[in-house]
């Protein structure tokens, strides 16, 4: 009798159609392999951003900072501030209300109009997000007061100081959201490529760096005036296990 009941239960179970496993979410799907062309594209984008930063400095006498609202609070990102110095972005720039926050009624709708130069080449990001960020802190190239940093204030040397990097996590390109640096902890970097990230230096050069760079090396490259000169090639070899 018990055996017959077990057989009946098994028969019923086999008759029930199997429920398919849920399809993997977009954020769970493996990223496509990084290609040399992808890396070159990101390098080219950063070089153009560097040219725009220097063009802004030539006109304003300081590097761009986050644009302030009427109340004196950070409202729009430096990524918006340099639009007039990026090719064919003048019309987009004119649509922003520069004294309003990024999420005001007018400015929020422009977040979807992200210029191609800020597009994520690879990585997990939502529409309107970018991985290109500056370091935000009193000793970095992004002035929290909104006045902007003069290149003359970069006493460590432009070739020895980070300007823009690929952050680990994307941010809305119009939002004044960057990598906080307090001089102690190094923010996570490199959300687009496995094991490495691209960095734009103050002199406009772009280098591909391993994520395993020593924290003290990274701190020195973020700080514009700590008086340290870094043997970057040596640090890279050490991070890659070649020394």
Protein backbone atom coordinates (compact mmCIF):
# COMPACT_ATOMS: atom_id res chain seq x y z
CA UNK A 1 0.00 0.00 0.00
CA UNK A 2 2.81 2.41 0.95
CA UNK A 3 4.74 1.45 -2.18
CA UNK A 4 1.70 2.16 -4.33
CA UNK A 5 1.30 5.60 -2.74
CA UNK A 6 4.94 6.45 -3.44
CA UNK A 7 4.52 5.40 -7.06
CA UNK A 8 1.46 7.62 -7.39
CA UNK A 9 3.27 10.62 -5.90
CA UNK A 10 6.22 10.13 -8.26
CA UNK A 11 3.87 9.88 -11.20
CA UNK A 12 2.21 13.15 -10.22
CA UNK A 13 5.58 14.89 -9.81
CA UNK A 14 6.74 13.73 -13.21
CA UNK A 15 3.52 14.99 -14.77
CA UNK A 16 4.05 18.54 -13.44
CA UNK A 17 5.94 20.63 -16.02
CA UNK A 18 9.31 21.89 -14.83
CA UNK A 19 9.46 25.61 -14.00
CA UNK A 20 12.29 27.20 -15.98
CA UNK A 21 15.00 28.96 -14.03
CA UNK A 22 14.68 32.77 -14.14
CA UNK A 23 16.72 34.44 -16.85
CA UNK A 24 19.86 36.09 -15.51
CA UNK A 25 19.51 39.78 -14.83
CA UNK A 26 21.45 42.20 -16.98
CA UNK A 27 23.74 42.94 -14.01
CA UNK A 28 24.47 39.22 -13.60
CA UNK A 29 25.47 38.53 -17.17
CA UNK A 30 29.23 38.26 -17.76
CA UNK A 31 30.77 41.28 -19.40
CA UNK A 32 32.12 40.89 -22.92
CA UNK A 33 35.88 40.42 -23.07
CA UNK A 34 37.82 43.67 -23.08
CA UNK A 35 39.46 44.33 -26.42
CA UNK A 36 42.42 46.54 -27.35
CA UNK A 37 39.97 48.71 -29.32
CA UNK A 38 37.86 49.31 -26.19
CA UNK A 39 40.90 50.32 -24.19
CA UNK A 40 42.11 52.62 -26.95
CA UNK A 41 38.70 54.28 -27.12
CA UNK A 42 38.73 55.02 -23.40
CA UNK A 43 42.27 56.37 -23.69
CA UNK A 44 41.19 58.65 -26.55
CA UNK A 45 38.19 59.90 -24.57
CA UNK A 46 40.38 60.80 -21.62
CA UNK A 47 42.82 62.64 -23.88
CA UNK A 48 39.96 64.75 -25.25
CA UNK A 49 38.74 65.42 -21.71
CA UNK A 50 42.28 66.53 -20.86
CA UNK A 51 42.33 68.95 -23.79
CA UNK A 52 38.98 70.36 -22.65
CA UNK A 53 40.27 70.78 -19.09
CA UNK A 54 43.30 72.72 -20.30
CA UNK A 55 41.14 74.77 -22.67
CA UNK A 56 38.91 75.69 -19.74
CA UNK A 57 41.99 76.65 -17.71
CA UNK A 58 43.30 78.86 -20.52
CA UNK A 59 40.04 80.83 -20.50
CA UNK A 60 39.14 80.83 -16.80
CA UNK A 61 42.60 80.78 -15.23
CA UNK A 62 41.74 77.68 -13.21
CA UNK A 63 40.67 74.09 -13.73
CA UNK A 64 36.92 73.42 -13.73
CA UNK A 65 35.19 72.63 -10.49
CA UNK A 66 31.62 71.67 -9.78
CA UNK A 67 29.20 74.45 -10.68
CA UNK A 68 27.45 76.02 -7.69
CA UNK A 69 23.75 76.72 -7.21
CA UNK A 70 22.27 80.06 -6.17
CA UNK A 71 22.66 78.86 -2.58
CA UNK A 72 26.38 78.20 -3.08
CA UNK A 73 26.07 74.40 -3.02
CA UNK A 74 27.49 71.98 -5.64
CA UNK A 75 24.87 71.81 -8.37
CA UNK A 76 26.33 70.48 -11.62
CA UNK A 77 29.43 68.45 -12.33
CA UNK A 78 32.68 69.67 -13.84
CA UNK A 79 31.72 67.31 -16.70
CA UNK A 80 29.03 69.86 -17.58
CA UNK A 81 31.39 72.81 -17.09
CA UNK A 82 33.79 71.63 -19.82
CA UNK A 83 31.10 71.01 -22.45
CA UNK A 84 31.93 74.24 -24.38
CA UNK A 85 35.47 72.88 -24.80
CA UNK A 86 34.34 69.52 -26.16
CA UNK A 87 33.57 69.18 -29.85
CA UNK A 88 29.97 69.98 -30.79
CA UNK A 89 28.65 70.23 -27.23
CA UNK A 90 27.85 73.95 -27.13
CA UNK A 91 24.13 73.46 -27.77
CA UNK A 92 23.82 70.91 -24.98
CA UNK A 93 25.63 73.24 -22.59
CA UNK A 94 23.22 76.07 -23.38
CA UNK A 95 20.26 73.93 -22.29
CA UNK A 96 21.48 73.68 -18.69
CA UNK A 97 20.46 76.13 -16.01
CA UNK A 98 23.90 76.50 -14.47
CA UNK A 99 22.75 77.94 -11.14
CA UNK A 100 20.35 75.06 -10.49
CA UNK A 101 21.15 71.59 -9.09
CA UNK A 102 21.62 68.60 -11.40
CA UNK A 103 18.23 67.19 -10.40
CA UNK A 104 16.17 70.34 -10.95
CA UNK A 105 13.23 69.97 -13.32
CA UNK A 106 15.22 71.45 -16.20
CA UNK A 107 18.57 69.80 -15.59
CA UNK A 108 17.41 66.31 -14.65
CA UNK A 109 16.01 65.59 -18.10
CA UNK A 110 19.41 66.41 -19.63
CA UNK A 111 21.10 63.53 -17.79
CA UNK A 112 19.99 61.20 -20.57
CA UNK A 113 21.72 63.39 -23.17
CA UNK A 114 25.14 62.10 -22.11
CA UNK A 115 27.86 62.93 -24.69
CA UNK A 116 29.54 59.93 -26.28
CA UNK A 117 32.86 60.98 -24.79
CA UNK A 118 31.50 60.06 -21.33
CA UNK A 119 29.91 56.75 -22.43
CA UNK A 120 30.98 53.62 -20.52
CA UNK A 121 33.12 51.61 -22.94
CA UNK A 122 32.53 48.48 -20.87
CA UNK A 123 31.15 47.76 -17.42
CA UNK A 124 27.82 47.82 -15.68
CA UNK A 125 26.16 51.21 -15.86
CA UNK A 126 22.72 52.72 -16.24
CA UNK A 127 21.71 55.23 -18.89
CA UNK A 128 23.29 58.61 -18.26
CA UNK A 129 26.13 57.24 -16.14
CA UNK A 130 29.89 57.51 -16.63
CA UNK A 131 33.00 56.04 -15.03
CA UNK A 132 35.12 59.15 -15.63
CA UNK A 133 35.63 60.92 -12.33
CA UNK A 134 38.01 63.26 -10.52
CA UNK A 135 39.27 62.90 -6.96
CA UNK A 136 37.47 65.25 -4.58
CA UNK A 137 39.42 66.61 -1.62
CA UNK A 138 41.39 69.60 -0.40
CA UNK A 139 44.67 68.37 -1.94
CA UNK A 140 43.28 67.14 -5.26
CA UNK A 141 42.64 68.88 -8.58
CA UNK A 142 38.93 69.23 -7.86
CA UNK A 143 38.39 72.26 -5.69
CA UNK A 144 35.41 71.70 -3.34
CA UNK A 145 34.89 75.45 -2.95
CA UNK A 146 33.99 75.82 -6.62
CA UNK A 147 36.73 78.37 -7.33
CA UNK A 148 38.95 75.98 -9.26
CA UNK A 149 42.60 75.04 -8.94
CA UNK A 150 45.31 76.84 -10.90
CA UNK A 151 47.85 74.62 -12.63
CA UNK A 152 50.50 76.66 -10.86
CA UNK A 153 49.18 75.20 -7.58
CA UNK A 154 50.09 71.69 -8.70
CA UNK A 155 53.49 71.81 -7.04
CA UNK A 156 54.16 68.09 -7.46
CA UNK A 157 54.14 68.55 -11.22
CA UNK A 158 51.39 67.93 -13.74
CA UNK A 159 52.96 64.68 -14.95
CA UNK A 160 52.94 63.44 -11.37
CA UNK A 161 49.29 64.17 -10.51
CA UNK A 162 46.01 62.46 -11.41
CA UNK A 163 43.39 64.60 -13.14
CA UNK A 164 40.62 62.15 -14.20
CA UNK A 165 40.42 58.38 -13.77
CA UNK A 166 38.05 55.48 -14.39
CA UNK A 167 36.23 54.96 -11.09
CA UNK A 168 35.08 51.56 -9.88
CA UNK A 169 31.42 52.55 -9.91
CA UNK A 170 29.62 54.78 -12.41
CA UNK A 171 27.92 58.05 -11.52
CA UNK A 172 25.36 60.25 -13.25
CA UNK A 173 27.46 62.42 -15.51
CA UNK A 174 25.70 65.69 -14.61
CA UNK A 175 25.80 65.08 -10.85
CA UNK A 176 28.66 66.56 -8.78
CA UNK A 177 29.65 63.07 -7.70
CA UNK A 178 33.31 62.06 -7.70
CA UNK A 179 35.87 59.99 -5.79
CA UNK A 180 36.24 61.30 -2.22
CA UNK A 181 39.83 61.46 -0.98
CA UNK A 182 40.72 62.31 2.60
CA UNK A 183 44.42 61.56 2.29
CA UNK A 184 44.03 58.23 4.06
CA UNK A 185 41.85 55.87 2.05
CA UNK A 186 42.19 55.36 -1.70
CA UNK A 187 38.82 55.02 -3.48
CA UNK A 188 38.31 51.92 -5.59
CA UNK A 189 39.20 52.36 -9.25
CA UNK A 190 38.70 50.65 -12.57
CA UNK A 191 35.10 49.70 -13.25
CA UNK A 192 35.46 49.22 -16.99
CA UNK A 193 38.41 46.86 -17.37
CA UNK A 194 39.56 43.85 -15.40
CA UNK A 195 42.73 44.35 -13.40
CA UNK A 196 43.56 47.82 -14.71
CA UNK A 197 42.30 51.36 -15.16
CA UNK A 198 43.13 54.38 -17.29
CA UNK A 199 44.27 57.64 -15.72
CA UNK A 200 44.52 61.11 -17.21
CA UNK A 201 47.40 63.08 -15.69
CA UNK A 202 47.60 66.82 -15.28
CA UNK A 203 49.86 67.21 -18.32
CA UNK A 204 47.29 65.54 -20.59
CA UNK A 205 49.02 62.17 -20.77
CA UNK A 206 46.95 59.01 -20.34
CA UNK A 207 48.36 55.82 -18.87
CA UNK A 208 46.96 52.34 -18.30
CA UNK A 209 47.73 51.28 -14.75
CA UNK A 210 47.31 48.05 -12.77
CA UNK A 211 44.74 48.07 -9.98
CA UNK A 212 47.37 46.52 -7.75
CA UNK A 213 49.43 49.70 -7.51
CA UNK A 214 50.67 50.35 -3.98
CA UNK A 215 48.24 52.51 -1.98
CA UNK A 216 50.99 54.96 -1.02
CA UNK A 217 51.84 55.43 -4.70
CA UNK A 218 48.21 56.15 -5.51
CA UNK A 219 47.92 58.62 -2.63
CA UNK A 220 50.97 60.50 -3.88
CA UNK A 221 49.54 60.67 -7.40
CA UNK A 222 46.19 61.96 -6.12
CA UNK A 223 47.74 64.66 -3.90
CA UNK A 224 48.89 67.66 -5.91
CA UNK A 225 51.22 69.11 -3.28
CA UNK A 226 52.66 66.42 -1.02
CA UNK A 227 56.19 66.90 -2.36
CA UNK A 228 56.63 63.29 -3.46
CA UNK A 229 58.04 62.34 -6.83
CA UNK A 230 56.96 58.86 -7.88
CA UNK A 231 58.90 56.31 -9.93
CA UNK A 232 55.70 55.23 -11.66
CA UNK A 233 57.35 52.79 -14.06
CA UNK A 234 59.02 51.06 -11.13
CA UNK A 235 55.75 50.99 -9.18
CA UNK A 236 53.96 49.44 -12.17
CA UNK A 237 56.59 46.72 -12.54
CA UNK A 238 56.34 45.94 -8.86
CA UNK A 239 52.53 45.75 -9.03
CA UNK A 240 52.76 43.42 -12.01
CA UNK A 241 55.25 41.20 -10.21
CA UNK A 242 58.15 42.04 -12.53
CA UNK A 243 60.40 43.20 -9.70
